[in-house]
Amino acid sequence: MAKNTDIFLGVDFGTGGCKITAIDQDGRLVGEDSQEYQTFFEHQGWAEQEPAAWYETMRRVLHNLQANGVDLQAVKAVSFDGSTHNAVLLDSDYRPLRRTIMWTDQRSVEECAELRRTCADRLFQVAYQMPAPTWTLPQLMWLKKHEPQVLDKTRHILFVKDYVRYQMTGVAVTDYIEAQGTLFYDMRAQAWSTEFAALAGLSADALPRLVKPTDIVGEVTPQAASDTGLPAGIPVICGTSDSAVEDYGAGAIRPGDCILKLATAGNVNVMTAEAHPHPATLTYSHVIPRMWYTVTATNAAALCQRWFRDLCCDKEKAEALERGVSPFQIMGEEAAKSPIGANGVFFHPYLQGERSPYWDANLRASFTGLSIGSGKGDMLRALLEGVAFSLRDCYRTIEEMKLPVNRLFLIGGGARGELWSQIVCDVFNLPASVPAPGDASFGTALLAATGCGRFASAAEAVEHCLTFRRELRPIKNSADKYAELFPRYRAIHDALANIYNGKF
């Protein structure tokens, strides 16, 4: 890296780990690194994280970047993004009161039923969303019922990236896109809904001040500088939710652009010029002012790959260590030996219930069609195909809403695998572009550069800096085969859903 090069950092706190991307003033990649942190699944349907783990993981990733030649003293600004819906409940001194309930948590089914029974229409009118366990409001209603002492002590609420940013700056704020992930934000008024915050057991003075994603909200304190190696006093830009900033960072900044995401979760996000609230989707503002995006989402995508790696792939992990590559590369090579359709094996990725298009917390993951002749390669290929089918299932809602789709962008860690990205392209039977790097941390680095004045606007930043790794085209024969298999995938869901819901 040339000396005197200005560096901008994007720090992403995804569901599975922290990734940091460093770019120069022209958006060129200077360095990137990531590390996972733990999610606790102590009861069926639960998912929680320790807030302290986010800051410590970030420190380790920054240390690795510096060890690999990134001059942290050249950093001119930093911004943050994080998985949304995840409330960090804090006492009067901003100390966490418990682990954070994650957006994948499914414990609040009864609270969602109560919201649907008592105020679903009003809630949808205000927040543009229908009750589901993924949202902050029902999670806090569960705590109000089962852990009232926690809410009694709660004086402040922040969200994942906001809590880490508070540790870096001493300033407690959030952005309006993050707030939209709570169910107690009024979309039309662009303000907190004290009406629905009260249902969560929160007073108005516990809610953070709202700012824009590109606003400078503070500066790195001397203590944070000592912790992280970053210069004291550099500006800290707010940032926003990982979903919003990865759409933006992938170049999806025009109506009709569509994101297919293969990260911990899987998303199908369509950019629109105005809001299109729908009971079966999620609706958010875009990083680009006056734009929106509609989300259909599967709870588990690359999470399924990590789960299978840790459960069944000790041999592949050992080989990866010996070859100096990722275990996922070895798993992909094994999956590639199995034909389209995985020799009759199907996988449904409902490890944590499911959101779109079923909104059914009782669904469970499954391998079906296994025989004595099935091998691990068949299961690995079925896993990749099953997630692709789940995304295609999500896309059915977009088709039913008749939202125009002009371009596909394939993003997330899974998109780096050539086999998996081609499977998705074939299942959708549409061309797709794979941006480079085009992930949340890259988009957040662009927000850091925009917020401190390097670019005139967020749109200019991404148009100037984004490149593409490769362009994918569907393979006709493969697409035809997947078109035949998709109805069977859906039929298996329909049959098993009845069983999981006690209808047998």
Protein backbone atom coordinates (compact mmCIF):
# COMPACT_ATOMS: atom_id res chain seq x y z
CA MET A 1 0.00 0.00 0.00
CA ALA A 2 1.34 3.43 -0.91
CA LYS A 3 2.24 5.71 1.97
CA ASN A 4 -0.06 8.65 2.72
CA THR A 5 -3.01 6.75 1.25
CA ASP A 6 -6.24 7.60 3.06
CA ILE A 7 -8.04 4.52 4.34
CA PHE A 8 -11.74 4.12 5.17
CA LEU A 9 -12.97 1.22 7.28
CA GLY A 10 -16.30 -0.62 7.12
CA VAL A 11 -16.98 -2.81 10.15
CA ASP A 12 -19.72 -5.41 9.67
CA PHE A 13 -21.27 -7.27 12.61
CA GLY A 14 -23.14 -10.00 10.78
CA THR A 15 -25.12 -12.75 12.43
CA GLY A 16 -22.16 -15.13 12.36
CA GLY A 17 -19.14 -12.88 12.80
CA CYS A 18 -17.30 -9.61 12.30
CA LYS A 19 -15.78 -8.63 8.97
CA ILE A 20 -13.78 -5.48 8.34
CA THR A 21 -12.97 -4.08 4.90
CA ALA A 22 -10.38 -1.36 4.35
CA ILE A 23 -10.55 0.68 1.13
CA ASP A 24 -8.55 3.59 -0.24
CA GLN A 25 -9.98 6.90 -1.45
CA ASP A 26 -10.89 5.36 -4.81
CA GLY A 27 -12.66 2.35 -3.31
CA ARG A 28 -9.83 -0.08 -4.02
CA LEU A 29 -9.50 -2.93 -1.54
CA VAL A 30 -6.60 -2.37 0.88
CA GLY A 31 -7.34 -5.33 3.13
CA GLU A 32 -10.08 -7.42 4.68
CA ASP A 33 -10.37 -9.94 7.47
CA SER A 34 -13.09 -11.66 9.47
CA GLN A 35 -13.68 -13.86 12.49
CA GLU A 36 -16.71 -15.72 13.77
CA TYR A 37 -18.28 -15.25 17.19
CA GLN A 38 -20.54 -17.62 19.07
CA THR A 39 -24.30 -17.81 19.00
CA PHE A 40 -25.86 -19.63 21.95
CA PHE A 41 -28.71 -22.06 21.23
CA GLU A 42 -29.50 -23.11 24.78
CA HIS A 43 -33.13 -24.01 24.16
CA GLN A 44 -34.95 -25.11 21.05
CA GLY A 45 -35.72 -22.06 18.95
CA TRP A 46 -33.50 -19.72 20.96
CA ALA A 47 -30.55 -17.76 19.56
CA GLU A 48 -28.55 -15.33 21.70
CA GLN A 49 -25.16 -13.58 21.62
CA GLU A 50 -22.91 -11.97 24.21
CA PRO A 51 -22.55 -8.24 23.50
CA ALA A 52 -18.98 -8.25 24.80
CA ALA A 53 -18.00 -10.67 22.01
CA TRP A 54 -18.62 -8.11 19.25
CA TYR A 55 -16.08 -5.55 20.46
CA GLU A 56 -13.45 -8.17 21.28
CA THR A 57 -13.87 -9.86 17.90
CA MET A 58 -13.54 -6.50 16.16
CA ARG A 59 -10.30 -5.86 18.06
CA ARG A 60 -8.88 -9.18 16.87
CA VAL A 61 -9.85 -8.51 13.27
CA LEU A 62 -8.24 -5.07 13.40
CA HIS A 63 -5.09 -6.63 14.86
CA ASN A 64 -5.03 -9.14 11.98
CA LEU A 65 -5.44 -6.37 9.41
CA GLN A 66 -2.53 -4.48 10.89
CA ALA A 67 -0.41 -7.63 11.03
CA ASN A 68 -1.13 -8.11 7.31
CA GLY A 69 0.11 -4.68 6.35
CA VAL A 70 -2.88 -2.36 6.71
CA ASP A 71 -1.70 0.89 8.32
CA LEU A 72 -4.45 1.61 10.82
CA GLN A 73 -2.93 5.03 11.51
CA ALA A 74 -3.88 5.99 7.95
CA VAL A 75 -7.59 5.40 8.65
CA LYS A 76 -9.54 8.64 8.13
CA ALA A 77 -13.02 7.44 9.07
CA VAL A 78 -14.85 4.31 10.20
CA SER A 79 -18.47 3.20 9.96
CA PHE A 80 -20.45 0.23 11.28
CA ASP A 81 -23.26 -2.05 10.19
CA GLY A 82 -24.92 -4.96 11.94
CA SER A 83 -27.63 -7.56 11.79
CA THR A 84 -30.87 -5.87 12.72
CA HIS A 85 -33.79 -6.51 15.11
CA ASN A 86 -31.31 -7.35 17.92
CA ALA A 87 -31.87 -5.23 21.04
CA VAL A 88 -29.01 -4.65 23.49
CA LEU A 89 -30.70 -3.87 26.81
CA LEU A 90 -28.59 -1.55 28.96
CA ASP A 91 -28.69 -0.19 32.50
CA SER A 92 -28.20 3.46 33.44
CA ASP A 93 -24.42 3.11 32.89
CA TYR A 94 -24.88 1.49 29.44
CA ARG A 95 -23.90 -1.96 30.73
CA PRO A 96 -25.66 -4.94 29.09
CA LEU A 97 -28.25 -6.59 31.31
CA ARG A 98 -28.37 -9.93 29.49
CA ARG A 99 -27.38 -11.66 26.27
CA THR A 100 -28.96 -10.20 23.17
CA ILE A 101 -31.84 -12.10 21.57
CA MET A 102 -31.02 -12.44 17.88
CA TRP A 103 -33.34 -11.94 14.92
CA THR A 104 -33.26 -15.70 14.21
CA ASP A 105 -34.72 -16.47 17.65
CA GLN A 106 -38.17 -18.08 17.55
CA ARG A 107 -39.27 -18.01 21.19
CA SER A 108 -41.86 -15.22 20.84
CA VAL A 109 -44.48 -17.17 18.87
CA GLU A 110 -47.17 -16.61 21.51
CA GLU A 111 -46.44 -12.89 21.67
CA CYS A 112 -46.79 -12.66 17.89
CA ALA A 113 -50.14 -14.42 18.10
CA GLU A 114 -51.22 -11.88 20.74
CA LEU A 115 -50.17 -8.98 18.48
CA ARG A 116 -52.02 -10.46 15.52
CA ARG A 117 -55.10 -10.94 17.67
CA THR A 118 -55.12 -7.48 19.25
CA CYS A 119 -53.55 -4.96 16.89
CA ALA A 120 -52.24 -6.49 13.65
CA ASP A 121 -53.95 -3.99 11.35
CA ARG A 122 -52.81 -0.99 13.37
CA LEU A 123 -49.28 -2.37 13.66
CA PHE A 124 -49.05 -2.96 9.91
CA GLN A 125 -50.35 0.56 9.24
CA VAL A 126 -47.68 2.11 11.50
CA ALA A 127 -44.66 -0.18 11.02
CA TYR A 128 -45.37 -1.68 7.54
CA GLN A 129 -44.68 -5.18 8.93
CA MET A 130 -46.69 -8.08 10.34
CA PRO A 131 -45.81 -9.68 13.69
CA ALA A 132 -43.19 -12.45 13.53
CA PRO A 133 -40.58 -13.69 16.01
CA THR A 134 -37.81 -11.99 14.02
CA TRP A 135 -38.85 -8.52 15.21
CA THR A 136 -37.68 -6.74 18.37
CA LEU A 137 -41.17 -5.94 19.71
CA PRO A 138 -42.36 -9.53 20.31
CA GLN A 139 -38.93 -10.48 21.68
CA LEU A 140 -39.22 -7.75 24.31
CA MET A 141 -42.81 -8.72 25.04
CA TRP A 142 -41.49 -12.21 25.80
CA LEU A 143 -38.95 -10.71 28.21
CA LYS A 144 -41.68 -8.60 29.81
CA LYS A 145 -43.55 -11.81 30.57
CA HIS A 146 -40.66 -14.12 31.50
CA GLU A 147 -37.84 -11.82 32.67
CA PRO A 148 -39.60 -8.66 33.91
CA GLN A 149 -36.67 -7.78 36.17
CA VAL A 150 -34.52 -7.18 33.08
CA LEU A 151 -36.91 -4.67 31.56
CA ASP A 152 -37.37 -3.03 34.96
CA LYS A 153 -33.63 -2.28 34.97
CA THR A 154 -33.47 -1.24 31.30
CA ARG A 155 -32.69 2.45 30.90
CA HIS A 156 -31.31 2.43 27.35
CA ILE A 157 -31.74 0.31 24.24
CA LEU A 158 -29.23 0.10 21.41
CA PHE A 159 -28.65 -2.38 18.61
CA VAL A 160 -25.61 -4.44 17.70
CA LYS A 161 -23.58 -1.92 15.70
CA ASP A 162 -24.82 0.96 17.85
CA TYR A 163 -23.58 -0.66 21.06
CA VAL A 164 -20.10 -1.22 19.62
CA ARG A 165 -20.09 2.32 18.24
CA TYR A 166 -21.03 3.59 21.72
CA GLN A 167 -17.98 1.77 23.10
CA MET A 168 -15.87 3.50 20.43
CA THR A 169 -17.29 7.01 20.85
CA GLY A 170 -19.37 7.31 24.01
CA VAL A 171 -22.29 8.46 21.83
CA ALA A 172 -25.57 6.51 21.85
CA VAL A 173 -27.59 6.83 18.62
CA THR A 174 -29.13 4.66 15.93
CA ASP A 175 -30.21 5.26 12.35
CA TYR A 176 -33.75 5.28 11.02
CA ILE A 177 -33.27 2.12 8.89
CA GLU A 178 -32.13 0.15 11.94
CA ALA A 179 -35.15 1.51 13.83
CA GLN A 180 -37.44 0.07 11.16
CA GLY A 181 -36.41 -3.40 12.32
CA THR A 182 -38.09 -3.06 15.70
CA LEU A 183 -41.86 -2.85 15.01
CA PHE A 184 -41.96 0.25 17.20
CA TYR A 185 -40.96 2.76 14.51
CA ASP A 186 -43.59 4.83 12.73
CA MET A 187 -42.76 4.64 9.01
CA ARG A 188 -44.86 7.61 7.94
CA ALA A 189 -43.89 9.90 10.81
CA GLN A 190 -40.24 8.78 10.59
CA ALA A 191 -40.08 8.65 14.37
CA TRP A 192 -40.27 6.16 17.23
CA SER A 193 -43.77 4.89 17.96
CA THR A 194 -44.16 5.35 21.70
CA GLU A 195 -47.46 3.48 21.40
CA PHE A 196 -45.77 0.22 20.41
CA ALA A 197 -42.58 0.82 22.41
CA ALA A 198 -44.83 0.82 25.47
CA LEU A 199 -46.06 -2.67 24.52
CA ALA A 200 -42.41 -3.74 24.64
CA GLY A 201 -42.05 -2.31 28.13
CA LEU A 202 -39.87 0.61 26.99
CA SER A 203 -40.26 4.25 27.93
CA ALA A 204 -39.62 6.95 25.35
CA ASP A 205 -36.45 8.14 27.09
CA ALA A 206 -34.89 4.66 26.67
CA LEU A 207 -34.96 4.98 22.87
CA PRO A 208 -31.85 6.36 21.13
CA ARG A 209 -31.72 9.49 19.04
CA LEU A 210 -32.30 8.86 15.32
CA VAL A 211 -29.77 9.95 12.67
CA LYS A 212 -28.97 9.24 9.00
CA PRO A 213 -26.61 6.42 7.95
CA THR A 214 -24.02 8.91 6.60
CA ASP A 215 -24.07 11.25 9.62
CA ILE A 216 -20.90 11.76 11.65
CA VAL A 217 -21.99 10.81 15.17
CA GLY A 218 -18.75 11.00 17.14
CA GLU A 219 -15.05 10.32 17.10
CA VAL A 220 -12.78 7.51 18.28
CA THR A 221 -11.99 8.11 21.96
CA PRO A 222 -8.45 7.78 23.36
CA GLN A 223 -9.47 4.59 25.17
CA ALA A 224 -10.92 3.05 21.99
CA ALA A 225 -7.79 4.10 20.11
CA SER A 226 -5.67 2.29 22.68
CA ASP A 227 -7.91 -0.80 22.41
CA THR A 228 -8.04 -0.98 18.62
CA GLY A 229 -4.98 0.70 17.13
CA LEU A 230 -7.12 3.28 15.30
CA PRO A 231 -6.20 6.97 15.54
CA ALA A 232 -7.92 8.90 18.31
CA GLY A 233 -10.21 11.65 17.10
CA ILE A 234 -11.09 10.31 13.64
CA PRO A 235 -14.77 10.67 12.65
CA VAL A 236 -17.16 7.79 13.20
CA ILE A 237 -20.06 7.59 10.73
CA CYS A 238 -23.30 6.01 11.90
CA GLY A 239 -23.81 3.26 9.32
CA THR A 240 -26.95 1.13 9.17
CA SER A 241 -28.33 -2.42 9.01
CA ASP A 242 -26.29 -5.08 7.21
CA SER A 243 -29.12 -5.85 4.80
CA ALA A 244 -29.49 -2.24 3.68
CA VAL A 245 -25.79 -1.58 3.30
CA GLU A 246 -25.02 -4.82 1.48
CA ASP A 247 -27.72 -4.05 -1.10
CA TYR A 248 -26.15 -0.65 -1.52
CA GLY A 249 -22.56 -1.96 -1.55
CA ALA A 250 -23.43 -4.50 -4.24
CA GLY A 251 -24.61 -1.73 -6.56
CA ALA A 252 -28.35 -2.29 -6.21
CA ILE A 253 -29.24 1.39 -6.22
CA ARG A 254 -31.95 1.57 -8.89
CA PRO A 255 -35.59 0.41 -8.88
CA GLY A 256 -35.78 -3.12 -10.29
CA ASP A 257 -32.37 -4.19 -8.99
CA CYS A 258 -32.67 -7.49 -7.09
CA ILE A 259 -30.28 -8.92 -4.50
CA LEU A 260 -29.91 -12.66 -3.95
CA LYS A 261 -28.00 -13.17 -0.71
CA LEU A 262 -26.11 -16.28 0.39
CA ALA A 263 -24.91 -15.25 3.84
CA THR A 264 -25.84 -16.62 7.28
CA ALA A 265 -29.39 -15.99 6.16
CA GLY A 266 -30.66 -15.81 2.61
CA ASN A 267 -32.50 -12.85 1.12
CA VAL A 268 -34.31 -11.85 -2.04
CA ASN A 269 -34.41 -8.03 -1.92
CA VAL A 270 -35.99 -5.91 -4.64
CA MET A 271 -35.26 -2.18 -4.89
CA THR A 272 -38.26 0.11 -5.42
CA ALA A 273 -38.94 3.82 -5.88
CA GLU A 274 -41.61 3.77 -3.17
CA ALA A 275 -42.64 1.58 -0.27
CA HIS A 276 -44.67 -1.56 -1.05
CA PRO A 277 -45.78 -2.89 2.34
CA HIS A 278 -47.06 -6.45 2.12
CA PRO A 279 -48.08 -8.86 4.90
CA ALA A 280 -45.68 -11.54 3.62
CA THR A 281 -42.59 -9.33 3.20
CA LEU A 282 -40.34 -6.94 5.08
CA THR A 283 -40.18 -3.28 4.02
CA TYR A 284 -37.19 -1.00 4.61
CA SER A 285 -35.79 2.33 3.49
CA HIS A 286 -32.73 2.19 1.23
CA VAL A 287 -29.41 3.91 1.92
CA ILE A 288 -30.17 6.05 -1.15
CA PRO A 289 -32.67 8.71 -0.02
CA ARG A 290 -36.31 8.22 -1.09
CA MET A 291 -35.70 4.63 -2.23
CA TRP A 292 -37.01 1.47 -0.55
CA TYR A 293 -36.54 -2.24 -0.79
CA THR A 294 -38.83 -5.21 -0.29
CA VAL A 295 -37.40 -8.29 1.44
CA THR A 296 -38.34 -11.93 1.33
CA ALA A 297 -35.96 -14.01 3.40
CA THR A 298 -35.00 -17.51 4.49
CA ASN A 299 -33.63 -17.83 8.02
CA ALA A 300 -30.72 -20.13 7.17
CA ALA A 301 -28.47 -20.12 4.09
CA ALA A 302 -24.71 -20.24 4.68
CA LEU A 303 -25.63 -21.08 8.28
CA CYS A 304 -26.60 -24.51 6.94
CA GLN A 305 -23.12 -24.92 5.48
CA ARG A 306 -21.46 -23.98 8.79
CA TRP A 307 -23.79 -26.30 10.69
CA PHE A 308 -22.98 -29.25 8.42
CA ARG A 309 -19.25 -28.40 8.49
CA ASP A 310 -19.16 -28.51 12.28
CA LEU A 311 -21.39 -31.56 12.57
CA CYS A 312 -20.12 -33.85 9.83
CA CYS A 313 -16.95 -32.55 8.18
CA ASP A 314 -13.96 -33.22 10.44
CA LYS A 315 -12.24 -34.98 7.52
CA GLU A 316 -12.80 -31.99 5.23
CA LYS A 317 -11.58 -29.57 7.90
CA ALA A 318 -8.39 -31.58 8.34
CA GLU A 319 -7.78 -31.69 4.59
CA ALA A 320 -8.42 -27.94 4.32
CA LEU A 321 -5.85 -27.28 7.04
CA GLU A 322 -3.32 -29.46 5.24
CA ARG A 323 -3.95 -27.74 1.87
CA GLY A 324 -4.20 -24.23 3.30
CA VAL A 325 -7.72 -23.60 1.97
CA SER A 326 -11.19 -23.12 3.41
CA PRO A 327 -13.15 -26.22 4.49
CA PHE A 328 -15.97 -24.87 2.32
CA GLN A 329 -13.77 -25.29 -0.74
CA ILE A 330 -13.26 -28.96 0.08
CA MET A 331 -16.99 -29.36 0.74
CA GLY A 332 -17.75 -27.70 -2.61
CA GLU A 333 -15.39 -30.05 -4.43
CA GLU A 334 -17.17 -33.01 -2.84
CA ALA A 335 -20.61 -31.60 -3.72
CA ALA A 336 -19.54 -31.11 -7.34
CA LYS A 337 -19.07 -34.88 -7.69
CA SER A 338 -22.81 -35.36 -7.17
CA PRO A 339 -25.12 -34.69 -10.17
CA ILE A 340 -27.94 -32.16 -10.41
CA GLY A 341 -30.65 -33.33 -8.04
CA ALA A 342 -28.08 -34.94 -5.70
CA ASN A 343 -29.14 -38.47 -6.67
CA GLY A 344 -32.64 -37.88 -5.28
CA VAL A 345 -31.63 -36.23 -1.99
CA PHE A 346 -33.46 -33.02 -0.99
CA PHE A 347 -32.59 -30.61 1.81
CA HIS A 348 -34.96 -28.07 3.37
CA PRO A 349 -32.98 -25.41 5.29
CA TYR A 350 -35.35 -24.74 8.18
CA LEU A 351 -32.77 -24.99 10.98
CA GLN A 352 -34.43 -22.09 12.81
CA GLY A 353 -38.01 -22.21 11.58
CA GLU A 354 -38.71 -20.14 8.48
CA ARG A 355 -39.68 -16.68 7.38
CA SER A 356 -40.66 -16.21 3.73
CA PRO A 357 -42.85 -17.39 2.24
CA TYR A 358 -44.26 -19.51 5.09
CA TRP A 359 -43.68 -17.51 8.30
CA ASP A 360 -43.75 -20.75 10.25
CA ALA A 361 -41.59 -21.08 13.37
CA ASN A 362 -42.46 -24.78 13.64
CA LEU A 363 -40.73 -25.84 10.41
CA ARG A 364 -37.57 -27.91 10.82
CA ALA A 365 -34.68 -28.76 8.51
CA SER A 366 -34.62 -32.13 6.81
CA PHE A 367 -32.77 -34.37 4.39
CA THR A 368 -35.19 -36.55 2.44
CA GLY A 369 -34.64 -39.17 -0.25
CA LEU A 370 -31.58 -40.75 1.36
CA SER A 371 -30.79 -44.32 0.38
CA ILE A 372 -28.03 -46.83 1.12
CA GLY A 373 -26.27 -45.50 -1.95
CA SER A 374 -26.30 -41.86 -0.81
CA GLY A 375 -22.94 -40.33 -0.01
CA LYS A 376 -21.74 -37.24 1.78
CA GLY A 377 -21.31 -35.51 -1.58
CA ASP A 378 -25.02 -36.00 -2.27
CA MET A 379 -25.89 -34.42 1.08
CA LEU A 380 -23.53 -31.52 0.45
CA ARG A 381 -24.99 -30.87 -3.01
CA ALA A 382 -28.54 -31.24 -1.69
CA LEU A 383 -27.73 -28.62 0.94
CA LEU A 384 -26.58 -26.13 -1.71
CA GLU A 385 -29.58 -26.89 -3.91
CA GLY A 386 -31.99 -26.72 -0.97
CA VAL A 387 -30.92 -23.21 -0.03
CA ALA A 388 -31.20 -22.17 -3.69
CA PHE A 389 -34.71 -23.66 -3.84
CA SER A 390 -35.60 -21.82 -0.63
CA LEU A 391 -34.53 -18.52 -2.21
CA ARG A 392 -36.61 -19.38 -5.28
CA ASP A 393 -39.52 -20.07 -2.93
CA CYS A 394 -39.04 -16.57 -1.47
CA TYR A 395 -39.05 -15.11 -4.98
CA ARG A 396 -42.57 -16.41 -5.59
CA THR A 397 -43.88 -13.60 -3.36
CA ILE A 398 -42.03 -11.01 -5.45
CA GLU A 399 -43.65 -12.48 -8.55
CA GLU A 400 -47.10 -12.40 -6.93
CA MET A 401 -46.58 -8.72 -6.00
CA LYS A 402 -45.61 -8.02 -9.63
CA LEU A 403 -42.56 -6.01 -8.58
CA PRO A 404 -40.36 -5.43 -11.65
CA VAL A 405 -36.92 -7.08 -11.57
CA ASN A 406 -34.33 -5.87 -14.08
CA ARG A 407 -30.97 -7.07 -12.71
CA LEU A 408 -29.83 -9.81 -10.29
CA PHE A 409 -26.86 -9.34 -7.95
CA LEU A 410 -25.57 -12.41 -6.11
CA ILE A 411 -23.86 -11.58 -2.81
CA GLY A 412 -22.68 -13.11 0.46
CA GLY A 413 -19.98 -15.58 1.38
CA GLY A 414 -21.77 -18.37 -0.46
CA ALA A 415 -21.57 -16.39 -3.71
CA ARG A 416 -17.79 -16.83 -3.66
CA GLY A 417 -18.25 -20.54 -4.28
CA GLU A 418 -18.47 -21.15 -8.02
CA LEU A 419 -20.68 -24.23 -7.71
CA TRP A 420 -23.19 -22.67 -5.32
CA SER A 421 -23.50 -19.42 -7.27
CA GLN A 422 -24.04 -21.33 -10.52
CA ILE A 423 -26.69 -23.50 -8.85
CA VAL A 424 -28.56 -20.35 -7.76
CA CYS A 425 -28.27 -18.86 -11.26
CA ASP A 426 -29.65 -22.08 -12.77
CA VAL A 427 -32.48 -22.41 -10.23
CA PHE A 428 -33.61 -18.83 -10.99
CA ASN A 429 -32.86 -19.28 -14.71
CA LEU A 430 -31.72 -15.67 -14.90
CA PRO A 431 -28.33 -13.99 -15.44
CA ALA A 432 -26.64 -12.70 -12.30
CA SER A 433 -23.70 -10.42 -11.49
CA VAL A 434 -21.32 -11.15 -8.61
CA PRO A 435 -19.91 -7.85 -7.28
CA ALA A 436 -16.40 -7.52 -5.87
CA PRO A 437 -16.26 -7.24 -2.97
CA GLY A 438 -19.82 -5.97 -2.82
CA ASP A 439 -20.59 -7.09 0.71
CA ALA A 440 -21.85 -5.27 3.79
CA SER A 441 -18.42 -4.22 5.09
CA PHE A 442 -17.51 -2.78 1.68
CA GLY A 443 -20.76 -0.81 1.54
CA THR A 444 -20.13 0.44 5.06
CA ALA A 445 -16.61 1.54 4.11
CA LEU A 446 -18.22 3.58 1.31
CA LEU A 447 -20.53 5.17 3.89
CA ALA A 448 -17.46 6.08 5.95
CA ALA A 449 -15.91 7.76 2.90
CA THR A 450 -19.17 9.51 2.03
CA GLY A 451 -19.85 10.66 5.58
CA CYS A 452 -16.50 12.42 5.91
CA GLY A 453 -16.81 14.14 2.51
CA ARG A 454 -14.72 12.00 0.14
CA PHE A 455 -17.81 11.57 -2.08
CA ALA A 456 -20.68 13.97 -2.65
CA SER A 457 -23.29 11.27 -2.13
CA ALA A 458 -23.67 7.59 -1.32
CA ALA A 459 -24.76 6.95 -4.91
CA GLU A 460 -21.61 8.60 -6.30
CA ALA A 461 -19.44 6.50 -3.98
CA VAL A 462 -20.77 3.13 -5.15
CA GLU A 463 -20.90 4.13 -8.83
CA HIS A 464 -17.27 5.24 -8.66
CA CYS A 465 -15.93 2.28 -6.68
CA LEU A 466 -17.87 -0.90 -7.47
CA THR A 467 -16.48 -3.62 -9.73
CA PHE A 468 -17.74 -7.12 -10.53
CA ARG A 469 -16.04 -10.43 -9.90
CA ARG A 470 -17.87 -12.35 -12.60
CA GLU A 471 -21.05 -12.54 -14.66
CA LEU A 472 -23.15 -15.71 -14.54
CA ARG A 473 -25.49 -17.10 -17.18
CA PRO A 474 -27.91 -19.98 -16.58
CA ILE A 475 -27.02 -23.29 -18.18
CA LYS A 476 -30.15 -24.33 -20.06
CA ASN A 477 -29.98 -28.06 -19.36
CA SER A 478 -29.36 -27.45 -15.65
CA ALA A 479 -32.10 -24.82 -15.44
CA ASP A 480 -34.58 -27.22 -17.07
CA LYS A 481 -33.75 -29.95 -14.55
CA TYR A 482 -34.12 -27.60 -11.60
CA ALA A 483 -37.46 -26.41 -12.96
CA GLU A 484 -38.61 -30.04 -12.78
CA LEU A 485 -37.24 -30.53 -9.26
CA PHE A 486 -38.61 -27.34 -7.68
CA PRO A 487 -42.26 -28.51 -7.48
CA ARG A 488 -41.07 -31.65 -5.71
CA TYR A 489 -39.11 -29.50 -3.24
CA ARG A 490 -42.30 -27.54 -2.51
CA ALA A 491 -44.41 -30.71 -2.22
CA ILE A 492 -42.01 -32.10 0.40
CA HIS A 493 -42.35 -28.87 2.36
CA ASP A 494 -46.15 -29.07 2.20
CA ALA A 495 -46.19 -32.65 3.46
CA LEU A 496 -43.73 -32.11 6.32
CA ALA A 497 -45.24 -28.76 7.38
CA ASN A 498 -48.41 -30.59 8.40
CA ILE A 499 -46.37 -32.97 10.53
CA TYR A 500 -44.38 -30.20 12.21
CA ASN A 501 -47.62 -28.38 12.98
CA GLY A 502 -49.32 -31.44 14.46
CA LYS A 503 -51.70 -32.09 11.57
CA PHE A 504 -51.34 -35.84 11.05
